[in-house]
Amino acid sequence: MLAISAGCAHYQAAPLAPAHSADEFAARRLTDAATHEELARLRPQSTAAWLPRQWPPREWDRAQLLAVALTRNPQLAVARSEVAAALSREIGAAQVRNPELTLQSEYARHDPHPWLYGVSLNWLLRSPERRRLDREIAGLDTGNARLQLMDRAWAVRSALAAALSDWESARRRLDLLLKLAAAQDRLLALERQRVAAGEDAPVELLINEQARIQVEQQQAVLRAAADAAQVAAARALGLPPQALDGVMITWPEWGEPPPVEEGTLRQAREQALLSRADLAQAIGEYAAAEAKLQASVARQYPQFVLSPGYYWDHGIARFPFDVGFALPLNRNRGEIAEARAGRELAAQHMLALQVSIYSEIVAAERAEHIARASADAAERQLDAARRQKQTADLSLRLGAADIQDQVGVQILGMRAELEVLEMRAQLQTSRNNLEDVLHAPLSGPELALAQSMSSLVSGAGL
């Protein structure tokens, strides 16, 4: 007993400190040393290109930000802890059941040997098949926890990509609205001169003033959208929103994702229909239900309990050896029926999920096709506006038009450019959705992380 006690684990308190953890989170920054250490520690050799050579980098691309999110997002930390908890259950499933030790004593007052001393063990024996099934079920649960971690990682990636796309869209449109506001101010000043000179009716001035106010309203909406996108990006990165203030983010191909070759798209589609993280998890759940059904069938047979012992029975040494049986007289029918129904439920869930993935992929592909056509139409409209501006510039030089006509045409061109940005934002959103349903990046710097996604997600080798 002393030897067993000496080898026992010792309890160590680990109290939570909410105030300290809140302060620690508020102090996080994208360029702090802790972020650099995490990225350097988890960098796979095959993806060395995504880690900046200089620290901190002047600009961040999507691959670098995704790597930060995979290492610092708190929800992924929870999922990693769930994997560790599943691994601990595997240890328990592989262990042999502990015997129960019973110490006995008895005193007979008038017996020449009044004392009885005894010790007995009760040991439940599991068959090798049952031990194998228990280990298999625990291993399947661990595999499902890993797949759930991957699925959550893709959810984080999707949230980050959407936030960065909204942020980039708002930033570009705000830059254009600044130019449009300046042009509207110029047009408004010219219109005031014309109204003062009696060349135009006052209602024309009112129309231009309303147009200028609309620009201000659009700017306010876009500033709110940019702030919301910054908050969403920071949440995906596991950072406070202020950590992204002044951070330069580069996305040169935003709004113009390159078309994907049919062979690459077909391969990604087939992989998603066979092994997307949530689908693989559903397949693992079916395998676990199958193993539980096998275990339920195995439990309809008797279980053995060995009870060896030793007694000093009033001067006589006794060595009993008892064998007990757990007799499932009901043949474990209820548990077997429940396990069989669980297996059928898991099968139908997997099939329904596969059908849903197929539909999502088709819808995402069609949505990108429509968004690309809309963006191309907006580009043609912008080209027409640019040609109209060239004509207005020529007319101004020839004296066939005045400066107000030229500014009006310039404003129309800027509004057409805003329409192009909106269509490009929709195209980028459709590409993000397609990558999300495929669980695979199709373009951009994230391709450097595709081969090592699982190692980055799992962190410390979970």
Protein backbone atom coordinates (compact mmCIF):
# COMPACT_ATOMS: atom_id res chain seq x y z
CA MET A 1 0.00 0.00 0.00
CA LEU A 2 2.89 2.36 0.80
CA ALA A 3 4.50 1.62 -2.56
CA ILE A 4 1.24 2.28 -4.39
CA SER A 5 0.71 5.51 -2.48
CA ALA A 6 4.23 6.71 -3.29
CA GLY A 7 3.57 6.34 -7.04
CA CYS A 8 0.29 8.28 -7.01
CA ALA A 9 -0.14 11.62 -8.73
CA HIS A 10 -0.35 14.66 -6.51
CA TYR A 11 -2.98 17.35 -6.78
CA GLN A 12 -1.82 20.80 -7.78
CA ALA A 13 -4.22 23.72 -7.55
CA ALA A 14 -4.65 25.89 -10.66
CA PRO A 15 -7.02 28.70 -9.70
CA LEU A 16 -8.41 31.02 -12.35
CA ALA A 17 -7.61 34.72 -12.31
CA PRO A 18 -10.27 36.48 -14.45
CA ALA A 19 -8.86 39.94 -13.81
CA HIS A 20 -5.37 38.91 -14.92
CA SER A 21 -6.63 37.06 -18.01
CA ALA A 22 -8.74 40.07 -19.04
CA ASP A 23 -5.73 42.38 -18.72
CA GLU A 24 -3.56 39.91 -20.63
CA PHE A 25 -6.05 39.77 -23.49
CA ALA A 26 -6.37 43.56 -23.65
CA ALA A 27 -2.58 43.82 -23.92
CA ARG A 28 -2.31 41.42 -26.87
CA ARG A 29 -0.97 42.85 -30.09
CA LEU A 30 -0.45 41.44 -33.53
CA THR A 31 3.25 42.32 -33.42
CA ASP A 32 4.10 41.26 -29.87
CA ALA A 33 6.78 38.73 -29.03
CA ALA A 34 4.29 36.04 -28.00
CA THR A 35 2.73 36.01 -31.47
CA HIS A 36 6.15 35.77 -33.08
CA GLU A 37 7.15 32.88 -30.82
CA GLU A 38 3.94 30.98 -31.60
CA LEU A 39 4.40 31.40 -35.34
CA ALA A 40 8.07 30.41 -35.19
CA ARG A 41 7.36 27.36 -33.02
CA LEU A 42 4.55 26.05 -35.19
CA ARG A 43 6.07 26.86 -38.58
CA PRO A 44 6.28 23.77 -40.79
CA GLN A 45 9.36 23.58 -42.95
CA SER A 46 7.24 23.26 -46.07
CA THR A 47 5.53 26.59 -45.47
CA ALA A 48 8.45 28.80 -44.49
CA ALA A 49 7.35 31.42 -47.01
CA TRP A 50 4.42 32.65 -44.95
CA LEU A 51 6.51 33.64 -41.92
CA PRO A 52 7.83 37.22 -42.28
CA ARG A 53 11.59 37.56 -42.47
CA GLN A 54 11.55 40.79 -40.51
CA TRP A 55 9.57 41.28 -37.34
CA PRO A 56 7.24 43.01 -37.08
CA PRO A 57 6.31 43.05 -40.78
CA ARG A 58 5.21 46.28 -42.38
CA GLU A 59 2.32 44.55 -44.15
CA TRP A 60 0.31 41.42 -43.37
CA ASP A 61 -1.17 39.12 -45.99
CA ARG A 62 -3.99 36.61 -45.56
CA ALA A 63 -1.70 33.64 -44.98
CA GLN A 64 0.15 35.34 -42.14
CA LEU A 65 -3.08 36.49 -40.51
CA LEU A 66 -4.58 33.02 -40.86
CA ALA A 67 -1.53 31.54 -39.14
CA VAL A 68 -2.01 34.00 -36.27
CA ALA A 69 -5.69 33.06 -36.00
CA LEU A 70 -4.91 29.34 -35.94
CA THR A 71 -2.47 29.81 -33.07
CA ARG A 72 -4.21 32.48 -30.96
CA ASN A 73 -7.96 32.04 -31.47
CA PRO A 74 -9.49 31.06 -28.08
CA GLN A 75 -12.19 28.83 -29.59
CA LEU A 76 -9.51 26.73 -31.25
CA ALA A 77 -7.74 26.51 -27.90
CA VAL A 78 -10.95 25.07 -26.45
CA ALA A 79 -11.14 22.54 -29.29
CA ARG A 80 -7.51 21.51 -28.67
CA SER A 81 -8.34 20.95 -25.01
CA GLU A 82 -11.26 18.76 -26.10
CA VAL A 83 -8.82 16.69 -28.15
CA ALA A 84 -6.57 16.35 -25.10
CA ALA A 85 -9.58 15.27 -23.02
CA ALA A 86 -10.44 12.63 -25.62
CA LEU A 87 -6.85 11.37 -25.55
CA SER A 88 -7.08 11.00 -21.77
CA ARG A 89 -10.19 8.85 -22.18
CA GLU A 90 -8.17 6.56 -24.45
CA ILE A 91 -5.79 5.97 -21.53
CA GLY A 92 -8.69 4.93 -19.32
CA ALA A 93 -10.13 2.61 -21.96
CA ALA A 94 -6.80 0.81 -22.37
CA GLN A 95 -6.26 0.22 -18.64
CA VAL A 96 -7.13 -3.01 -16.85
CA ARG A 97 -9.91 -2.66 -14.31
CA ASN A 98 -8.65 -2.17 -10.77
CA PRO A 99 -9.46 -4.98 -8.32
CA GLU A 100 -11.36 -4.29 -5.12
CA LEU A 101 -9.51 -5.28 -1.95
CA THR A 102 -11.52 -6.19 1.16
CA LEU A 103 -9.95 -6.67 4.57
CA GLN A 104 -11.94 -8.70 7.11
CA SER A 105 -11.63 -9.39 10.79
CA GLU A 106 -13.72 -11.23 13.37
CA TYR A 107 -13.46 -11.96 17.10
CA ALA A 108 -15.03 -15.08 18.67
CA ARG A 109 -15.05 -14.62 22.43
CA HIS A 110 -15.12 -18.26 23.63
CA ASP A 111 -13.07 -19.82 20.81
CA PRO A 112 -9.54 -21.02 21.59
CA HIS A 113 -8.40 -19.05 18.52
CA PRO A 114 -10.71 -16.06 18.80
CA TRP A 115 -9.48 -13.99 15.87
CA LEU A 116 -10.33 -14.35 12.16
CA TYR A 117 -8.27 -12.40 9.67
CA GLY A 118 -8.99 -12.32 5.95
CA VAL A 119 -8.37 -10.54 2.71
CA SER A 120 -10.23 -10.93 -0.60
CA LEU A 121 -10.06 -9.46 -4.07
CA ASN A 122 -12.94 -8.83 -6.45
CA TRP A 123 -11.66 -8.59 -10.02
CA LEU A 124 -13.99 -7.97 -12.96
CA LEU A 125 -12.54 -9.64 -16.06
CA ARG A 126 -13.19 -8.15 -19.45
CA SER A 127 -12.78 -10.34 -22.48
CA PRO A 128 -10.12 -9.33 -25.03
CA GLU A 129 -12.90 -8.48 -27.47
CA ARG A 130 -14.54 -6.07 -25.02
CA ARG A 131 -11.23 -4.40 -24.24
CA ARG A 132 -10.58 -4.00 -27.95
CA LEU A 133 -14.00 -2.46 -28.51
CA ASP A 134 -13.56 -0.05 -25.60
CA ARG A 135 -10.20 1.07 -26.98
CA GLU A 136 -11.65 1.38 -30.48
CA ILE A 137 -14.56 3.52 -29.28
CA ALA A 138 -12.21 5.80 -27.35
CA GLY A 139 -9.92 6.09 -30.37
CA LEU A 140 -12.86 6.99 -32.62
CA ASP A 141 -13.95 9.65 -30.15
CA THR A 142 -10.45 11.12 -30.28
CA GLY A 143 -10.51 11.10 -34.07
CA ASN A 144 -13.85 12.88 -34.08
CA ALA A 145 -12.47 15.48 -31.67
CA ARG A 146 -9.57 16.12 -34.08
CA LEU A 147 -12.00 16.47 -36.99
CA GLN A 148 -14.14 18.84 -34.97
CA LEU A 149 -11.01 20.89 -34.34
CA MET A 150 -10.37 21.06 -38.09
CA ASP A 151 -13.98 22.04 -38.75
CA ARG A 152 -13.75 24.85 -36.19
CA ALA A 153 -10.49 25.96 -37.77
CA TRP A 154 -12.23 26.32 -41.11
CA ALA A 155 -15.01 28.28 -39.41
CA VAL A 156 -12.35 30.64 -38.03
CA ARG A 157 -10.75 30.90 -41.46
CA SER A 158 -14.13 31.68 -43.03
CA ALA A 159 -14.89 34.35 -40.45
CA LEU A 160 -11.44 35.90 -40.91
CA ALA A 161 -11.68 35.93 -44.71
CA ALA A 162 -15.16 37.49 -44.60
CA ALA A 163 -14.04 40.16 -42.14
CA LEU A 164 -10.91 41.03 -44.13
CA SER A 165 -12.96 41.18 -47.34
CA ASP A 166 -15.54 43.52 -45.78
CA TRP A 167 -12.75 45.63 -44.34
CA GLU A 168 -10.96 45.92 -47.69
CA SER A 169 -14.22 46.71 -49.47
CA ALA A 170 -15.09 49.47 -47.01
CA ARG A 171 -11.57 50.91 -47.18
CA ARG A 172 -11.52 51.10 -50.98
CA ARG A 173 -14.99 52.58 -51.19
CA LEU A 174 -14.18 55.14 -48.52
CA ASP A 175 -11.13 56.25 -50.51
CA LEU A 176 -13.30 56.68 -53.59
CA LEU A 177 -16.02 58.47 -51.64
CA LEU A 178 -13.45 61.03 -50.48
CA LYS A 179 -12.76 61.85 -54.12
CA LEU A 180 -16.46 61.86 -54.90
CA ALA A 181 -17.13 64.24 -51.99
CA ALA A 182 -14.47 66.62 -53.31
CA ALA A 183 -16.04 66.51 -56.78
CA GLN A 184 -19.50 67.08 -55.29
CA ASP A 185 -18.18 70.08 -53.38
CA ARG A 186 -16.73 71.50 -56.57
CA LEU A 187 -19.99 70.92 -58.43
CA LEU A 188 -21.93 72.47 -55.57
CA ALA A 189 -19.74 75.58 -55.64
CA LEU A 190 -20.25 75.94 -59.39
CA GLU A 191 -23.98 75.51 -59.01
CA ARG A 192 -24.13 78.20 -56.33
CA GLN A 193 -22.43 80.58 -58.76
CA ARG A 194 -24.92 79.73 -61.51
CA VAL A 195 -27.91 80.17 -59.19
CA ALA A 196 -26.52 83.47 -57.91
CA ALA A 197 -26.08 84.62 -61.50
CA GLY A 198 -29.64 83.57 -62.32
CA GLU A 199 -28.52 80.94 -64.83
CA ASP A 200 -30.15 78.03 -62.95
CA ALA A 201 -33.20 77.68 -60.75
CA PRO A 202 -32.66 77.26 -56.97
CA VAL A 203 -34.05 73.73 -57.20
CA GLU A 204 -30.89 72.68 -59.04
CA LEU A 205 -28.85 73.80 -56.04
CA LEU A 206 -31.10 71.80 -53.74
CA ILE A 207 -30.58 68.66 -55.84
CA ASN A 208 -26.80 69.02 -55.62
CA GLU A 209 -26.94 69.62 -51.88
CA GLN A 210 -28.98 66.45 -51.40
CA ALA A 211 -26.47 64.51 -53.47
CA ARG A 212 -23.67 65.82 -51.25
CA ILE A 213 -25.56 64.77 -48.12
CA GLN A 214 -26.05 61.30 -49.58
CA VAL A 215 -22.29 61.01 -49.98
CA GLU A 216 -21.83 61.90 -46.30
CA GLN A 217 -24.38 59.28 -45.33
CA GLN A 218 -22.60 56.67 -47.42
CA GLN A 219 -19.33 57.59 -45.74
CA ALA A 220 -20.88 57.14 -42.29
CA VAL A 221 -22.29 53.74 -43.24
CA LEU A 222 -18.96 52.59 -44.63
CA ARG A 223 -17.05 53.79 -41.56
CA ALA A 224 -19.41 51.75 -39.38
CA ALA A 225 -18.94 48.76 -41.70
CA ALA A 226 -15.16 49.13 -41.53
CA ASP A 227 -15.24 49.26 -37.72
CA ALA A 228 -17.48 46.18 -37.58
CA ALA A 229 -15.16 44.34 -39.98
CA GLN A 230 -12.14 45.26 -37.85
CA VAL A 231 -13.88 43.94 -34.73
CA ALA A 232 -14.80 40.69 -36.54
CA ALA A 233 -11.25 40.24 -37.82
CA ALA A 234 -9.83 40.82 -34.35
CA ARG A 235 -12.25 38.27 -32.89
CA ALA A 236 -11.12 35.66 -35.41
CA LEU A 237 -7.47 36.46 -34.68
CA GLY A 238 -7.99 36.20 -30.93
CA LEU A 239 -6.96 39.84 -30.40
CA PRO A 240 -8.67 42.94 -29.02
CA PRO A 241 -10.01 45.27 -31.76
CA GLN A 242 -7.53 48.02 -30.94
CA ALA A 243 -4.70 45.62 -31.79
CA LEU A 244 -5.50 46.16 -35.49
CA ASP A 245 -5.39 49.95 -35.37
CA GLY A 246 -2.91 51.16 -37.96
CA VAL A 247 -2.08 47.63 -39.19
CA MET A 248 -1.40 47.48 -42.93
CA ILE A 249 -3.13 44.53 -44.59
CA THR A 250 -2.41 43.67 -48.21
CA TRP A 251 -4.83 41.84 -50.50
CA PRO A 252 -3.86 42.83 -54.05
CA GLU A 253 -6.17 40.35 -55.79
CA TRP A 254 -9.22 41.37 -53.74
CA GLY A 255 -12.36 41.54 -55.84
CA GLU A 256 -10.66 39.86 -58.78
CA PRO A 257 -10.07 36.22 -57.77
CA PRO A 258 -8.51 34.33 -60.65
CA PRO A 259 -10.66 31.69 -62.34
CA VAL A 260 -9.98 28.14 -61.16
CA GLU A 261 -9.08 25.42 -63.60
CA GLU A 262 -11.75 22.79 -63.99
CA GLY A 263 -9.38 19.99 -62.98
CA THR A 264 -8.43 21.75 -59.73
CA LEU A 265 -12.06 22.53 -58.96
CA ARG A 266 -13.11 18.93 -59.68
CA GLN A 267 -10.46 17.58 -57.35
CA ALA A 268 -11.46 19.96 -54.56
CA ARG A 269 -15.12 19.08 -55.09
CA GLU A 270 -14.47 15.34 -54.86
CA GLN A 271 -12.34 15.78 -51.76
CA ALA A 272 -15.07 17.81 -50.07
CA LEU A 273 -17.72 15.21 -50.93
CA LEU A 274 -15.60 12.43 -49.46
CA SER A 275 -13.54 13.87 -46.63
CA ARG A 276 -14.57 17.40 -45.66
CA ALA A 277 -13.97 17.81 -41.94
CA ASP A 278 -17.61 17.75 -40.87
CA LEU A 279 -18.36 14.87 -43.25
CA ALA A 280 -15.37 12.92 -41.95
CA GLN A 281 -16.65 13.58 -38.46
CA ALA A 282 -20.06 12.18 -39.42
CA ILE A 283 -18.35 9.09 -40.85
CA GLY A 284 -16.38 8.75 -37.61
CA GLU A 285 -19.59 9.04 -35.60
CA TYR A 286 -21.06 6.19 -37.65
CA ALA A 287 -17.97 4.08 -36.97
CA ALA A 288 -18.30 4.84 -33.26
CA ALA A 289 -21.99 3.86 -33.36
CA GLU A 290 -21.01 0.60 -35.09
CA ALA A 291 -18.45 -0.15 -32.37
CA LYS A 292 -20.97 0.66 -29.64
CA LEU A 293 -23.41 -1.77 -31.22
CA GLN A 294 -20.73 -4.47 -31.19
CA ALA A 295 -20.04 -3.69 -27.52
CA SER A 296 -23.75 -3.92 -26.71
CA VAL A 297 -23.96 -7.30 -28.41
CA ALA A 298 -20.91 -8.48 -26.48
CA ARG A 299 -22.54 -7.44 -23.20
CA GLN A 300 -25.38 -9.91 -23.66
CA TYR A 301 -22.98 -12.65 -22.55
CA PRO A 302 -22.02 -13.24 -18.89
CA GLN A 303 -19.21 -11.28 -17.25
CA PHE A 304 -16.85 -12.98 -14.83
CA VAL A 305 -15.78 -11.69 -11.44
CA LEU A 306 -12.83 -13.46 -9.79
CA SER A 307 -12.66 -13.26 -5.98
CA PRO A 308 -9.49 -14.93 -4.63
CA GLY A 309 -8.75 -14.53 -0.93
CA TYR A 310 -6.99 -15.71 2.20
CA TYR A 311 -8.47 -16.25 5.68
CA TRP A 312 -6.92 -17.18 9.01
CA ASP A 313 -10.09 -18.72 10.33
CA HIS A 314 -9.68 -19.33 14.09
CA GLY A 315 -6.43 -21.20 13.65
CA ILE A 316 -7.17 -22.66 10.20
CA ALA A 317 -5.71 -21.19 6.99
CA ARG A 318 -8.28 -20.98 4.19
CA PHE A 319 -7.70 -20.04 0.54
CA PRO A 320 -11.07 -19.41 -1.12
CA PHE A 321 -11.31 -18.78 -4.84
CA ASP A 322 -14.76 -17.61 -5.90
CA VAL A 323 -16.00 -17.00 -9.43
CA GLY A 324 -19.00 -14.71 -9.92
CA PHE A 325 -21.15 -14.22 -12.97
CA ALA A 326 -23.12 -11.14 -14.11
CA LEU A 327 -26.04 -12.81 -15.88
CA PRO A 328 -27.83 -10.59 -18.46
CA LEU A 329 -31.09 -12.52 -18.41
CA ASN A 330 -32.75 -9.96 -20.68
CA ARG A 331 -30.01 -10.56 -23.29
CA ASN A 332 -29.29 -6.82 -23.19
CA ARG A 333 -32.07 -6.30 -25.73
CA GLY A 334 -32.76 -2.68 -24.74
CA GLU A 335 -29.19 -1.52 -25.10
CA ILE A 336 -28.78 -3.43 -28.36
CA ALA A 337 -31.93 -1.87 -29.81
CA GLU A 338 -30.77 1.58 -28.75
CA ALA A 339 -27.31 1.05 -30.26
CA ARG A 340 -28.80 -0.25 -33.52
CA ALA A 341 -31.06 2.80 -33.76
CA GLY A 342 -28.06 5.05 -33.03
CA ARG A 343 -26.14 3.45 -35.88
CA GLU A 344 -29.03 4.04 -38.28
CA LEU A 345 -29.30 7.65 -37.13
CA ALA A 346 -25.58 8.19 -37.70
CA ALA A 347 -25.86 6.70 -41.20
CA GLN A 348 -28.76 8.95 -42.17
CA HIS A 349 -26.98 11.98 -40.71
CA MET A 350 -23.91 11.26 -42.84
CA LEU A 351 -25.96 10.83 -46.02
CA ALA A 352 -27.95 14.02 -45.35
CA LEU A 353 -24.74 15.97 -44.73
CA GLN A 354 -23.19 14.69 -47.95
CA VAL A 355 -26.28 15.79 -49.91
CA SER A 356 -26.12 19.19 -48.21
CA ILE A 357 -22.43 19.59 -49.11
CA TYR A 358 -23.18 18.71 -52.74
CA SER A 359 -25.93 21.32 -52.89
CA GLU A 360 -23.75 23.95 -51.20
CA ILE A 361 -20.94 23.41 -53.70
CA VAL A 362 -23.26 23.69 -56.71
CA ALA A 363 -24.90 26.82 -55.30
CA ALA A 364 -21.52 28.43 -54.51
CA GLU A 365 -20.18 27.70 -58.00
CA ARG A 366 -23.26 29.21 -59.63
CA ALA A 367 -23.16 32.22 -57.32
CA GLU A 368 -19.55 32.94 -58.29
CA HIS A 369 -20.43 32.61 -61.98
CA ILE A 370 -23.28 35.12 -61.59
CA ALA A 371 -21.15 37.50 -59.51
CA ARG A 372 -18.35 37.40 -62.10
CA ALA A 373 -20.81 38.22 -64.88
CA SER A 374 -22.21 41.13 -62.83
CA ALA A 375 -18.71 42.44 -62.18
CA ASP A 376 -17.88 42.27 -65.87
CA ALA A 377 -21.06 44.19 -66.71
CA ALA A 378 -20.14 46.86 -64.16
CA GLU A 379 -16.67 47.10 -65.72
CA ARG A 380 -18.24 47.69 -69.13
CA GLN A 381 -20.40 50.42 -67.64
CA LEU A 382 -17.31 52.01 -66.10
CA ASP A 383 -15.55 51.89 -69.49
CA ALA A 384 -18.50 53.73 -71.01
CA ALA A 385 -18.31 56.35 -68.26
CA ARG A 386 -14.60 56.82 -68.90
CA ARG A 387 -15.21 57.31 -72.61
CA GLN A 388 -17.88 59.84 -71.75
CA LYS A 389 -15.39 61.70 -69.55
CA GLN A 390 -12.87 61.77 -72.40
CA THR A 391 -15.54 63.25 -74.63
CA ALA A 392 -16.39 65.83 -71.97
CA ASP A 393 -12.70 66.78 -71.59
CA LEU A 394 -12.40 67.21 -75.35
CA SER A 395 -15.57 69.28 -75.49
CA LEU A 396 -14.25 71.52 -72.71
CA ARG A 397 -11.01 72.12 -74.58
CA LEU A 398 -12.94 72.93 -77.76
CA GLY A 399 -15.31 75.23 -75.91
CA ALA A 400 -18.38 73.08 -76.61
CA ALA A 401 -19.01 72.44 -72.89
CA ASP A 402 -18.33 74.14 -69.60
CA ILE A 403 -16.50 73.05 -66.45
CA GLN A 404 -19.74 72.08 -64.75
CA ASP A 405 -20.51 69.51 -67.43
CA GLN A 406 -17.04 68.06 -67.03
CA VAL A 407 -17.39 67.75 -63.24
CA GLY A 408 -20.83 66.16 -63.66
CA VAL A 409 -19.40 63.54 -66.02
CA GLN A 410 -16.51 62.97 -63.60
CA ILE A 411 -19.02 62.32 -60.79
CA LEU A 412 -20.90 59.84 -62.97
CA GLY A 413 -17.63 58.01 -63.57
CA MET A 414 -16.91 57.83 -59.84
CA ARG A 415 -20.37 56.44 -59.17
CA ALA A 416 -19.80 53.84 -61.85
CA GLU A 417 -16.50 52.98 -60.15
CA LEU A 418 -18.36 52.59 -56.84
CA GLU A 419 -20.72 50.19 -58.57
CA VAL A 420 -17.73 48.20 -59.80
CA LEU A 421 -16.36 48.00 -56.25
CA GLU A 422 -19.71 46.74 -54.99
CA MET A 423 -19.82 44.06 -57.68
CA ARG A 424 -16.21 43.11 -56.93
CA ALA A 425 -17.10 42.78 -53.26
CA GLN A 426 -19.93 40.40 -54.18
CA LEU A 427 -17.56 38.41 -56.39
CA GLN A 428 -15.02 38.14 -53.58
CA THR A 429 -17.76 37.06 -51.16
CA SER A 430 -18.87 34.35 -53.57
CA ARG A 431 -15.27 33.10 -53.91
CA ASN A 432 -14.90 33.08 -50.11
CA ASN A 433 -18.12 31.05 -49.84
CA LEU A 434 -16.92 28.58 -52.47
CA GLU A 435 -13.62 28.07 -50.65
CA ASP A 436 -15.51 27.65 -47.39
CA VAL A 437 -17.82 24.91 -48.67
CA LEU A 438 -14.84 23.16 -50.27
CA HIS A 439 -12.69 23.63 -47.16
CA ALA A 440 -9.82 24.46 -49.48
CA PRO A 441 -8.20 27.74 -50.60
CA LEU A 442 -8.33 28.21 -54.37
CA SER A 443 -5.97 31.17 -54.82
CA GLY A 444 -3.80 33.63 -52.95
CA PRO A 445 -1.07 33.21 -50.33
CA GLU A 446 -3.16 30.77 -48.28
CA LEU A 447 -2.18 28.07 -50.76
CA ALA A 448 1.20 27.98 -48.99
CA LEU A 449 -0.59 26.79 -45.84
CA ALA A 450 -2.86 24.24 -47.48
CA GLN A 451 -0.43 21.33 -47.17
CA SER A 452 0.32 22.04 -43.51
CA MET A 453 -3.11 23.15 -42.32
CA SER A 454 -3.59 20.21 -39.97
CA SER A 455 -0.20 20.65 -38.26
CA LEU A 456 -0.84 24.36 -37.71
CA VAL A 457 -4.33 23.70 -36.37
CA SER A 458 -3.32 20.93 -34.01
CA GLY A 459 -0.67 23.09 -32.42
CA ALA A 460 1.39 21.04 -30.01
CA GLY A 461 0.93 17.81 -31.89
CA LEU A 462 -2.55 16.96 -30.65
